PDB file of N, CA and C in Angstrom:
ATOM      1  N   MET A   1     -39.339   0.374 -25.089  1.00  0.00           N
ATOM      2  CA  MET A   1     -37.828   0.755 -25.195  1.00  0.00           C
ATOM      3  C   MET A   1     -37.645   0.308 -26.426  1.00  0.00           C
ATOM      4  N   ALA A   2     -37.248   1.506 -27.452  1.00  0.00           N
ATOM      5  CA  ALA A   2     -36.828   0.863 -28.779  1.00  0.00           C
ATOM      6  C   ALA A   2     -35.360   0.152 -28.539  1.00  0.00           C
ATOM      7  N   THR A   3     -34.886  -0.542 -29.202  1.00  0.00           N
ATOM      8  CA  THR A   3     -33.895  -1.549 -29.440  1.00  0.00           C
ATOM      9  C   THR A   3     -33.009  -0.646 -30.951  1.00  0.00           C
ATOM     10  N   SER A   4     -31.821  -1.069 -30.763  1.00  0.00           N
ATOM     11  CA  SER A   4     -31.422  -1.064 -31.604  1.00  0.00           C
ATOM     12  C   SER A   4     -29.998  -2.478 -32.226  1.00  0.00           C
ATOM     13  N   LYS A   5     -29.815  -3.189 -33.236  1.00  0.00           N
ATOM     14  CA  LYS A   5     -29.152  -4.114 -33.176  1.00  0.00           C
ATOM     15  C   LYS A   5     -27.863  -3.739 -33.751  1.00  0.00           C
ATOM     16  N   VAL A   6     -26.485  -4.167 -32.987  1.00  0.00           N
ATOM     17  CA  VAL A   6     -25.392  -3.732 -33.389  1.00  0.00           C
ATOM     18  C   VAL A   6     -24.052  -4.542 -33.288  1.00  0.00           C
ATOM     19  N   THR A   7     -23.294  -4.542 -33.788  1.00  0.00           N
ATOM     20  CA  THR A   7     -21.756  -5.255 -33.771  1.00  0.00           C
ATOM     21  C   THR A   7     -20.751  -4.246 -32.932  1.00  0.00           C
ATOM     22  N   PHE A   8     -20.415  -5.748 -32.488  1.00  0.00           N
ATOM     23  CA  PHE A   8     -19.231  -5.250 -31.591  1.00  0.00           C
ATOM     24  C   PHE A   8     -18.152  -6.270 -31.744  1.00  0.00           C
ATOM     25  N   THR A   9     -16.729  -5.637 -31.801  1.00  0.00           N
ATOM     26  CA  THR A   9     -15.624  -6.840 -31.694  1.00  0.00           C
ATOM     27  C   THR A   9     -15.489  -7.274 -30.351  1.00  0.00           C
ATOM     28  N   LEU A  10     -15.001  -8.048 -29.758  1.00  0.00           N
ATOM     29  CA  LEU A  10     -15.048  -8.440 -28.536  1.00  0.00           C
ATOM     30  C   LEU A  10     -13.932  -9.368 -28.462  1.00  0.00           C
ATOM     31  N   ASP A  11     -12.758  -9.040 -27.201  1.00  0.00           N
ATOM     32  CA  ASP A  11     -12.278 -10.321 -26.667  1.00  0.00           C
ATOM     33  C   ASP A  11     -12.839 -11.628 -26.604  1.00  0.00           C
ATOM     34  N   GLU A  12     -12.023 -13.444 -26.458  1.00  0.00           N
ATOM     35  CA  GLU A  12     -12.744 -14.375 -25.749  1.00  0.00           C
ATOM     36  C   GLU A  12     -12.950 -13.909 -24.528  1.00  0.00           C
ATOM     37  N   ALA A  13     -11.865 -13.066 -23.626  1.00  0.00           N
ATOM     38  CA  ALA A  13     -12.486 -13.030 -22.119  1.00  0.00           C
ATOM     39  C   ALA A  13     -13.540 -12.484 -21.795  1.00  0.00           C
ATOM     40  N   THR A  14     -13.955 -11.212 -22.254  1.00  0.00           N
ATOM     41  CA  THR A  14     -15.436 -10.509 -22.752  1.00  0.00           C
ATOM     42  C   THR A  14     -16.540 -11.329 -22.788  1.00  0.00           C
ATOM     43  N   VAL A  15     -15.927 -11.908 -24.074  1.00  0.00           N
ATOM     44  CA  VAL A  15     -17.297 -12.883 -24.754  1.00  0.00           C
ATOM     45  C   VAL A  15     -18.019 -13.845 -23.556  1.00  0.00           C
ATOM     46  N   HIS A  16     -16.714 -14.236 -22.212  1.00  0.00           N
ATOM     47  CA  HIS A  16     -16.987 -15.378 -21.993  1.00  0.00           C
ATOM     48  C   HIS A  16     -17.497 -15.137 -20.310  1.00  0.00           C
ATOM     49  N   MET A  17     -17.271 -13.550 -20.047  1.00  0.00           N
ATOM     50  CA  MET A  17     -17.379 -13.517 -18.863  1.00  0.00           C
ATOM     51  C   MET A  17     -18.885 -12.685 -19.082  1.00  0.00           C
ATOM     52  N   ILE A  18     -19.148 -11.940 -20.143  1.00  0.00           N
ATOM     53  CA  ILE A  18     -20.516 -11.838 -20.561  1.00  0.00           C
ATOM     54  C   ILE A  18     -21.670 -13.173 -20.171  1.00  0.00           C
ATOM     55  N   ALA A  19     -20.903 -14.284 -21.213  1.00  0.00           N
ATOM     56  CA  ALA A  19     -21.503 -15.697 -21.132  1.00  0.00           C
ATOM     57  C   ALA A  19     -21.946 -16.163 -19.637  1.00  0.00           C
ATOM     58  N   ASP A  20     -20.467 -15.904 -19.158  1.00  0.00           N
ATOM     59  CA  ASP A  20     -20.865 -16.366 -17.253  1.00  0.00           C
ATOM     60  C   ASP A  20     -22.120 -15.940 -16.109  1.00  0.00           C
ATOM     61  N   ALA A  21     -21.488 -14.408 -17.046  1.00  0.00           N
ATOM     62  CA  ALA A  21     -22.702 -13.481 -15.931  1.00  0.00           C
ATOM     63  C   ALA A  21     -23.711 -13.496 -16.400  1.00  0.00           C
ATOM     64  N   ALA A  22     -24.281 -13.518 -17.793  1.00  0.00           N
ATOM     65  CA  ALA A  22     -25.619 -14.369 -18.186  1.00  0.00           C
ATOM     66  C   ALA A  22     -26.428 -15.423 -17.625  1.00  0.00           C
ATOM     67  N   GLU A  23     -25.489 -16.687 -17.719  1.00  0.00           N
ATOM     68  CA  GLU A  23     -25.740 -17.790 -16.826  1.00  0.00           C
ATOM     69  C   GLU A  23     -26.012 -18.115 -15.281  1.00  0.00           C
ATOM     70  N   ARG A  24     -25.266 -17.116 -14.571  1.00  0.00           N
ATOM     71  CA  ARG A  24     -25.156 -17.290 -13.186  1.00  0.00           C
ATOM     72  C   ARG A  24     -26.598 -16.194 -13.108  1.00  0.00           C
ATOM     73  N   LEU A  25     -27.061 -15.054 -13.944  1.00  0.00           N
ATOM     74  CA  LEU A  25     -27.628 -13.783 -13.248  1.00  0.00           C
ATOM     75  C   LEU A  25     -29.290 -14.401 -13.919  1.00  0.00           C
ATOM     76  N   ALA A  26     -29.099 -15.441 -14.892  1.00  0.00           N
ATOM     77  CA  ALA A  26     -30.677 -16.132 -15.183  1.00  0.00           C
ATOM     78  C   ALA A  26     -31.363 -14.488 -16.310  1.00  0.00           C
ATOM     79  N   LYS A  27     -30.198 -14.406 -17.017  1.00  0.00           N
ATOM     80  CA  LYS A  27     -30.639 -13.014 -17.930  1.00  0.00           C
ATOM     81  C   LYS A  27     -29.878 -13.100 -18.984  1.00  0.00           C
ATOM     82  N   PRO A  28     -30.349 -12.456 -20.180  1.00  0.00           N
ATOM     83  CA  PRO A  28     -30.028 -13.119 -21.449  1.00  0.00           C
ATOM     84  C   PRO A  28     -28.925 -11.833 -21.843  1.00  0.00           C
ATOM     85  N   LYS A  29     -28.057 -12.396 -22.377  1.00  0.00           N
ATOM     86  CA  LYS A  29     -26.345 -11.529 -22.844  1.00  0.00           C
ATOM     87  C   LYS A  29     -26.542 -10.151 -22.648  1.00  0.00           C
ATOM     88  N   SER A  30     -27.781  -9.908 -23.815  1.00  0.00           N
ATOM     89  CA  SER A  30     -27.529  -8.685 -23.951  1.00  0.00           C
ATOM     90  C   SER A  30     -28.329  -7.822 -22.838  1.00  0.00           C
ATOM     91  N   GLN A  31     -29.465  -8.373 -22.178  1.00  0.00           N
ATOM     92  CA  GLN A  31     -29.575  -7.096 -20.581  1.00  0.00           C
ATOM     93  C   GLN A  31     -28.019  -6.992 -19.860  1.00  0.00           C
ATOM     94  N   VAL A  32     -27.464  -8.133 -19.821  1.00  0.00           N
ATOM     95  CA  VAL A  32     -25.960  -8.026 -18.771  1.00  0.00           C
ATOM     96  C   VAL A  32     -25.339  -7.320 -19.512  1.00  0.00           C
ATOM     97  N   VAL A  33     -25.212  -6.993 -20.948  1.00  0.00           N
ATOM     98  CA  VAL A  33     -24.786  -5.721 -21.800  1.00  0.00           C
ATOM     99  C   VAL A  33     -24.918  -4.348 -20.899  1.00  0.00           C
ATOM    100  N   ARG A  34     -26.250  -4.026 -21.390  1.00  0.00           N
ATOM    101  CA  ARG A  34     -27.436  -3.010 -20.913  1.00  0.00           C
ATOM    102  C   ARG A  34     -26.761  -2.504 -19.644  1.00  0.00           C
ATOM    103  N   GLU A  35     -27.064  -3.918 -18.890  1.00  0.00           N
ATOM    104  CA  GLU A  35     -26.881  -2.991 -17.569  1.00  0.00           C
ATOM    105  C   GLU A  35     -25.104  -2.593 -17.036  1.00  0.00           C
ATOM    106  N   ALA A  36     -24.202  -3.531 -17.686  1.00  0.00           N
ATOM    107  CA  ALA A  36     -22.833  -3.428 -17.549  1.00  0.00           C
ATOM    108  C   ALA A  36     -22.481  -1.826 -17.817  1.00  0.00           C
ATOM    109  N   VAL A  37     -23.636  -1.517 -19.016  1.00  0.00           N
ATOM    110  CA  VAL A  37     -22.557  -0.001 -19.997  1.00  0.00           C
ATOM    111  C   VAL A  37     -23.539   1.317 -19.058  1.00  0.00           C
ATOM    112  N   SER A  38     -24.411   1.021 -18.708  1.00  0.00           N
ATOM    113  CA  SER A  38     -25.529   1.492 -17.471  1.00  0.00           C
ATOM    114  C   SER A  38     -24.356   2.104 -16.233  1.00  0.00           C
ATOM    115  N   GLU A  39     -23.580   0.546 -15.611  1.00  0.00           N
ATOM    116  CA  GLU A  39     -23.115   0.687 -15.312  1.00  0.00           C
ATOM    117  C   GLU A  39     -22.207   1.921 -14.478  1.00  0.00           C
ATOM    118  N   TYR A  40     -21.454   1.567 -15.903  1.00  0.00           N
ATOM    119  CA  TYR A  40     -20.023   1.701 -16.413  1.00  0.00           C
ATOM    120  C   TYR A  40     -20.357   3.511 -16.565  1.00  0.00           C
ATOM    121  N   HIS A  41     -21.439   4.263 -17.838  1.00  0.00           N
ATOM    122  CA  HIS A  41     -21.226   5.293 -17.276  1.00  0.00           C
ATOM    123  C   HIS A  41     -21.898   6.045 -15.895  1.00  0.00           C
ATOM    124  N   ASP A  42     -22.612   5.555 -15.564  1.00  0.00           N
ATOM    125  CA  ASP A  42     -22.765   5.884 -14.376  1.00  0.00           C
ATOM    126  C   ASP A  42     -22.008   6.507 -13.241  1.00  0.00           C
ATOM    127  N   ARG A  43     -20.797   5.836 -13.439  1.00  0.00           N
ATOM    128  CA  ARG A  43     -19.108   5.740 -12.987  1.00  0.00           C
ATOM    129  C   ARG A  43     -18.255   7.248 -13.681  1.00  0.00           C
ATOM    130  N   ILE A  44     -18.538   7.243 -14.515  1.00  0.00           N
ATOM    131  CA  ILE A  44     -17.685   8.377 -15.648  1.00  0.00           C
ATOM    132  C   ILE A  44     -17.410   9.517 -14.524  1.00  0.00           C
ATOM    133  N   GLY A  45     -16.076   9.829 -14.926  1.00  0.00           N
ATOM    134  CA  GLY A  45     -16.159  11.236 -13.579  1.00  0.00           C
ATOM    135  C   GLY A  45     -16.109  11.187 -12.076  1.00  0.00           C
ATOM    136  N   ARG A  46     -16.112   9.514 -11.491  1.00  0.00           N
ATOM    137  CA  ARG A  46     -16.541   9.464 -10.182  1.00  0.00           C
ATOM    138  C   ARG A  46     -14.822   8.705  -9.683  1.00  0.00           C
ATOM    139  N   MET A  47     -14.313   9.148  -8.489  1.00  0.00           N
ATOM    140  CA  MET A  47     -13.411   8.181  -8.277  1.00  0.00           C
ATOM    141  C   MET A  47     -13.224   6.366  -7.609  1.00  0.00           C
ATOM    142  N   SER A  48     -12.247   6.504  -8.336  1.00  0.00           N
ATOM    143  CA  SER A  48     -12.374   4.774  -8.024  1.00  0.00           C
ATOM    144  C   SER A  48     -12.092   4.848  -6.195  1.00  0.00           C
ATOM    145  N   GLY A  49     -12.457   3.518  -5.674  1.00  0.00           N
ATOM    146  CA  GLY A  49     -11.872   3.550  -4.311  1.00  0.00           C
ATOM    147  C   GLY A  49     -10.206   3.360  -4.229  1.00  0.00           C
ATOM    148  N   ARG A  50      -9.700   3.258  -5.425  1.00  0.00           N
ATOM    149  CA  ARG A  50      -8.161   3.373  -4.949  1.00  0.00           C
ATOM    150  C   ARG A  50      -7.304   4.579  -5.319  1.00  0.00           C
ATOM    151  N   GLU A  51      -8.384   5.086  -6.024  1.00  0.00           N
ATOM    152  CA  GLU A  51      -7.869   6.444  -6.548  1.00  0.00           C
ATOM    153  C   GLU A  51      -8.348   7.322  -5.122  1.00  0.00           C
ATOM    154  N   ARG A  52      -9.856   7.249  -4.613  1.00  0.00           N
ATOM    155  CA  ARG A  52      -9.651   7.912  -3.133  1.00  0.00           C
ATOM    156  C   ARG A  52      -9.148   7.415  -1.799  1.00  0.00           C
ATOM    157  N   LEU A  53      -8.717   6.349  -1.867  1.00  0.00           N
ATOM    158  CA  LEU A  53      -7.024   5.886  -1.046  1.00  0.00           C
ATOM    159  C   LEU A  53      -6.272   6.366  -0.963  1.00  0.00           C
ATOM    160  N   GLU A  54      -5.967   7.223  -1.826  1.00  0.00           N
ATOM    161  CA  GLU A  54      -4.476   7.536  -2.665  1.00  0.00           C
ATOM    162  C   GLU A  54      -4.956   9.658  -1.897  1.00  0.00           C
ATOM    163  N   LYS A  55      -5.889   9.872  -2.807  1.00  0.00           N
ATOM    164  CA  LYS A  55      -6.313  11.275  -1.936  1.00  0.00           C
ATOM    165  C   LYS A  55      -6.305  11.530  -1.155  1.00  0.00           C
ATOM    166  N   LEU A  56      -6.846  10.761  -0.200  1.00  0.00           N
ATOM    167  CA  LEU A  56      -6.951  10.593   1.594  1.00  0.00           C
ATOM    168  C   LEU A  56      -5.637  10.531   1.660  1.00  0.00           C
ATOM    169  N   ARG A  57      -4.848   9.437   1.558  1.00  0.00           N
ATOM    170  CA  ARG A  57      -3.084   9.809   2.446  1.00  0.00           C
ATOM    171  C   ARG A  57      -2.597  10.740   1.746  1.00  0.00           C
ATOM    172  N   LEU A  58      -2.947  11.612   0.763  1.00  0.00           N
ATOM    173  CA  LEU A  58      -2.289  12.495   0.413  1.00  0.00           C
ATOM    174  C   LEU A  58      -1.931  13.687   1.210  1.00  0.00           C
ATOM    175  N   LEU A  59      -3.730  13.676   1.710  1.00  0.00           N
ATOM    176  CA  LEU A  59      -4.520  14.616   2.656  1.00  0.00           C
ATOM    177  C   LEU A  59      -4.052  14.466   4.006  1.00  0.00           C
ATOM    178  N   ASP A  60      -3.818  12.656   4.186  1.00  0.00           N
ATOM    179  CA  ASP A  60      -3.000  13.012   5.727  1.00  0.00           C
ATOM    180  C   ASP A  60      -1.895  13.334   5.840  1.00  0.00           C
ATOM    181  N   THR A  61      -0.915  13.080   4.751  1.00  0.00           N
ATOM    182  CA  THR A  61      -0.052  13.634   4.447  1.00  0.00           C
ATOM    183  C   THR A  61       0.563  15.551   4.386  1.00  0.00           C
ATOM    184  N   LEU A  62      -0.411  15.968   3.936  1.00  0.00           N
ATOM    185  CA  LEU A  62      -0.595  17.199   3.823  1.00  0.00           C
ATOM    186  C   LEU A  62      -0.589  18.142   4.804  1.00  0.00           C
ATOM    187  N   LEU A  63      -1.911  18.027   5.860  1.00  0.00           N
ATOM    188  CA  LEU A  63      -2.862  18.010   6.748  1.00  0.00           C
ATOM    189  C   LEU A  63      -1.214  18.990   7.621  1.00  0.00           C
ATOM    190  N   PRO A  64      -1.019  17.948   8.512  1.00  0.00           N
ATOM    191  CA  PRO A  64       0.451  18.538   9.136  1.00  0.00           C
ATOM    192  C   PRO A  64       1.394  19.178   8.661  1.00  0.00           C
ATOM    193  N   LEU A  65       1.311  19.458   7.975  1.00  0.00           N
ATOM    194  CA  LEU A  65       1.997  20.819   6.780  1.00  0.00           C
ATOM    195  C   LEU A  65       1.771  22.131   6.925  1.00  0.00           C
ATOM    196  N   ILE A  66       0.611  22.070   7.232  1.00  0.00           N
ATOM    197  CA  ILE A  66      -0.148  23.372   7.012  1.00  0.00           C
ATOM    198  C   ILE A  66      -0.042  24.096   8.699  1.00  0.00           C
ATOM    199  N   PRO A  67       0.866  25.341   8.257  1.00  0.00           N
ATOM    200  CA  PRO A  67       1.125  25.806   9.800  1.00  0.00           C
ATOM    201  C   PRO A  67       0.186  26.225  10.336  1.00  0.00           C
ATOM    202  N   SER A  68      -0.552  25.687  11.826  1.00  0.00           N
ATOM    203  CA  SER A  68      -1.421  26.204  12.931  1.00  0.00           C
ATOM    204  C   SER A  68      -1.422  27.435  13.322  1.00  0.00           C
ATOM    205  N   ARG A  69      -2.283  28.125  12.708  1.00  0.00           N
ATOM    206  CA  ARG A  69      -1.872  29.753  13.967  1.00  0.00           C
ATOM    207  C   ARG A  69      -3.523  30.157  13.459  1.00  0.00           C
ATOM    208  N   GLY A  70      -3.593  31.502  14.562  1.00  0.00           N
ATOM    209  CA  GLY A  70      -4.232  32.291  14.786  1.00  0.00           C
ATOM    210  C   GLY A  70      -5.685  33.077  13.715  1.00  0.00           C
ATOM    211  N   ARG A  71      -6.537  33.002  13.694  1.00  0.00           N
ATOM    212  CA  ARG A  71      -7.518  33.659  12.232  1.00  0.00           C
ATOM    213  C   ARG A  71      -6.756  35.093  12.251  1.00  0.00           C
ATOM    214  N   GLY A  72      -6.528  35.718  13.599  1.00  0.00           N
ATOM    215  CA  GLY A  72      -6.485  37.205  13.474  1.00  0.00           C
ATOM    216  C   GLY A  72      -4.386  36.943  12.771  1.00  0.00           C
ATOM    217  N   ALA A  73      -4.047  36.238  12.996  1.00  0.00           N
ATOM    218  CA  ALA A  73      -2.513  36.397  12.248  1.00  0.00           C
ATOM    219  C   ALA A  73      -2.825  35.871  10.253  1.00  0.00           C
ATOM    220  N   ALA A  74      -3.403  34.854   9.990  1.00  0.00           N
ATOM    221  CA  ALA A  74      -3.375  34.515   8.687  1.00  0.00           C
ATOM    222  C   ALA A  74      -4.501  36.311   8.402  1.00  0.00           C
ATOM    223  N   GLN A  75      -5.364  36.992   8.904  1.00  0.00           N
ATOM    224  CA  GLN A  75      -5.778  38.197   8.582  1.00  0.00           C
ATOM    225  C   GLN A  75      -4.742  38.892   8.327  1.00  0.00           C
ATOM    226  N   ARG A  76      -3.845  39.313   9.440  1.00  0.00           N
ATOM    227  CA  ARG A  76      -2.834  40.174   9.425  1.00  0.00           C
ATOM    228  C   ARG A  76      -1.448  40.046   8.137  1.00  0.00           C
ATOM    229  N   GLU A  77      -1.506  38.616   7.945  1.00  0.00           N
ATOM    230  CA  GLU A  77      -0.537  38.588   6.900  1.00  0.00           C
ATOM    231  C   GLU A  77      -1.234  38.407   5.036  1.00  0.00           C
ATOM    232  N   LEU A  78      -2.661  38.354   5.539  1.00  0.00           N
ATOM    233  CA  LEU A  78      -3.279  38.766   4.120  1.00  0.00           C
ATOM    234  C   LEU A  78      -3.522  40.789   3.509  1.00  0.00           C
ATOM    235  N   LYS A  79      -3.594  41.064   4.431  1.00  0.00           N
ATOM    236  CA  LYS A  79      -3.381  42.715   4.566  1.00  0.00           C
ATOM    237  C   LYS A  79      -2.514  43.446   4.695  1.00  0.00           C
ATOM    238  N   ALA A  80      -0.975  42.473   4.824  1.00  0.00           N
ATOM    239  CA  ALA A  80      -0.036  42.694   4.344  1.00  0.00           C
ATOM    240  C   ALA A  80       0.170  42.719   2.993  1.00  0.00           C
ATOM    241  N   ILE A  81      -0.230  41.183   2.471  1.00  0.00           N
ATOM    242  CA  ILE A  81       0.275  41.209   0.909  1.00  0.00           C
ATOM    243  C   ILE A  81      -0.994  42.229  -0.022  1.00  0.00           C
ATOM    244  N   ARG A  82      -1.838  42.097   0.664  1.00  0.00           N
ATOM    245  CA  ARG A  82      -3.100  43.340  -0.088  1.00  0.00           C
ATOM    246  C   ARG A  82      -2.385  44.674  -0.414  1.00  0.00           C
ATOM    247  N   ALA A  83      -1.429  45.272   0.883  1.00  0.00           N
ATOM    248  CA  ALA A  83      -0.904  46.486   0.415  1.00  0.00           C
ATOM    249  C   ALA A  83       0.444  46.194   0.006  1.00  0.00           C
ATOM    250  N   ALA A  84       0.960  45.246   0.334  1.00  0.00           N
ATOM    251  CA  ALA A  84       2.548  45.222  -0.722  1.00  0.00           C
ATOM    252  C   ALA A  84       1.775  45.211  -2.426  1.00  0.00           C
ATOM    253  N   ARG A  85       0.497  44.720  -2.764  1.00  0.00           N
ATOM    254  CA  ARG A  85       0.498  44.030  -3.926  1.00  0.00           C
ATOM    255  C   ARG A  85       0.198  46.084  -4.526  1.00  0.00           C
ATOM    256  N   ARG A  86      -0.281  46.840  -3.878  1.00  0.00           N
ATOM    257  CA  ARG A  86      -1.299  47.599  -4.023  1.00  0.00           C
ATOM    258  C   ARG A  86       0.206  49.056  -4.268  1.00  0.00           C
ATOM    259  N   SER A  87       0.917  48.645  -3.670  1.00  0.00           N
ATOM    260  CA  SER A  87       2.482  49.697  -3.525  1.00  0.00           C
ATOM    261  C   SER A  87       3.376  49.220  -4.672  1.00  0.00           C
ATOM    262  N   GLY A  88       3.092  48.077  -5.458  1.00  0.00           N
ATOM    263  CA  GLY A  88       3.719  47.560  -6.513  1.00  0.00           C
ATOM    264  C   GLY A  88       4.768  46.009  -6.105  1.00  0.00           C
ATOM    265  N   GLY A  89       4.013  45.550  -5.117  1.00  0.00           N
ATOM    266  CA  GLY A  89       5.168  44.801  -4.258  1.00  0.00           C
ATOM    267  C   GLY A  89       5.704  44.881  -3.138  1.00  0.00           C
ATOM    268  N   ARG A  90       6.276  43.789  -3.250  1.00  0.00           N
ATOM    269  CA  ARG A  90       7.099  43.361  -1.239  1.00  0.00           C
ATOM    270  C   ARG A  90       8.697  43.976  -2.000  1.00  0.00           C
ATOM    271  N   ARG A  91       8.967  45.019  -1.135  1.00  0.00           N
ATOM    272  CA  ARG A  91      10.098  45.034  -1.479  1.00  0.00           C
ATOM    273  C   ARG A  91      10.914  44.413  -0.283  1.00  0.00           C
ATOM    274  N   SER A  92      12.363  43.774  -0.974  1.00  0.00           N
ATOM    275  CA  SER A  92      13.239  42.739  -0.089  1.00  0.00           C
ATOM    276  C   SER A  92      14.789  42.984  -0.276  1.00  0.00           C
ATOM    277  N   LEU A  93      14.939  43.498   0.631  1.00  0.00           N
ATOM    278  CA  LEU A  93      16.964  43.305   0.738  1.00  0.00           C
ATOM    279  C   LEU A  93      17.333  42.704   0.051  1.00  0.00           C
ATOM    280  N   SER A  94      17.127  41.341   0.456  1.00  0.00           N
ATOM    281  CA  SER A  94      17.423  39.689  -0.054  1.00  0.00           C
ATOM    282  C   SER A  94      17.377  39.410  -1.495  1.00  0.00           C
ATOM    283  N   ARG A  95      16.505  40.513  -2.277  1.00  0.00           N
ATOM    284  CA  ARG A  95      16.087  40.196  -3.654  1.00  0.00           C
ATOM    285  C   ARG A  95      17.388  41.021  -4.294  1.00  0.00           C
ATOM    286  N   ASN A  96      18.381  39.898  -5.386  1.00  0.00           N
ATOM    287  CA  ASN A  96      19.262  40.460  -6.245  1.00  0.00           C
ATOM    288  C   ASN A  96      18.571  40.696  -7.814  1.00  0.00           C
ATOM    289  N   PRO A  97      19.031  41.990  -7.375  1.00  0.00           N
ATOM    290  CA  PRO A  97      18.282  43.165  -8.998  1.00  0.00           C
ATOM    291  C   PRO A  97      19.389  42.742 -10.437  1.00  0.00           C
ATOM    292  N   ALA A  98      18.548  42.100 -11.035  1.00  0.00           N
ATOM    293  CA  ALA A  98      19.312  41.702 -12.195  1.00  0.00           C
ATOM    294  C   ALA A  98      19.042  42.595 -13.465  1.00  0.00           C
TER     295      ALA A  98
END
């Protein structure tokens, strides 16, 4: 594997964490950084555990709000919507023409 020497500016806390991880894992600091960057890159676009739990909480909140009805009722409503669209829209007495 070809390597490149690069320079980054890091805060002291990050430098300490890299050194601590290298010591605890008995690996060179550069390997710790490579592995950390690789793992970070692999997580891009994925939800974190916190995000996943929030989405599940929202789903649990919204699912009970979905009306339960049979397939036939849903198909009848879709048929009515399609017919209304073909005829220029739904006509309703409650609409106030402005």
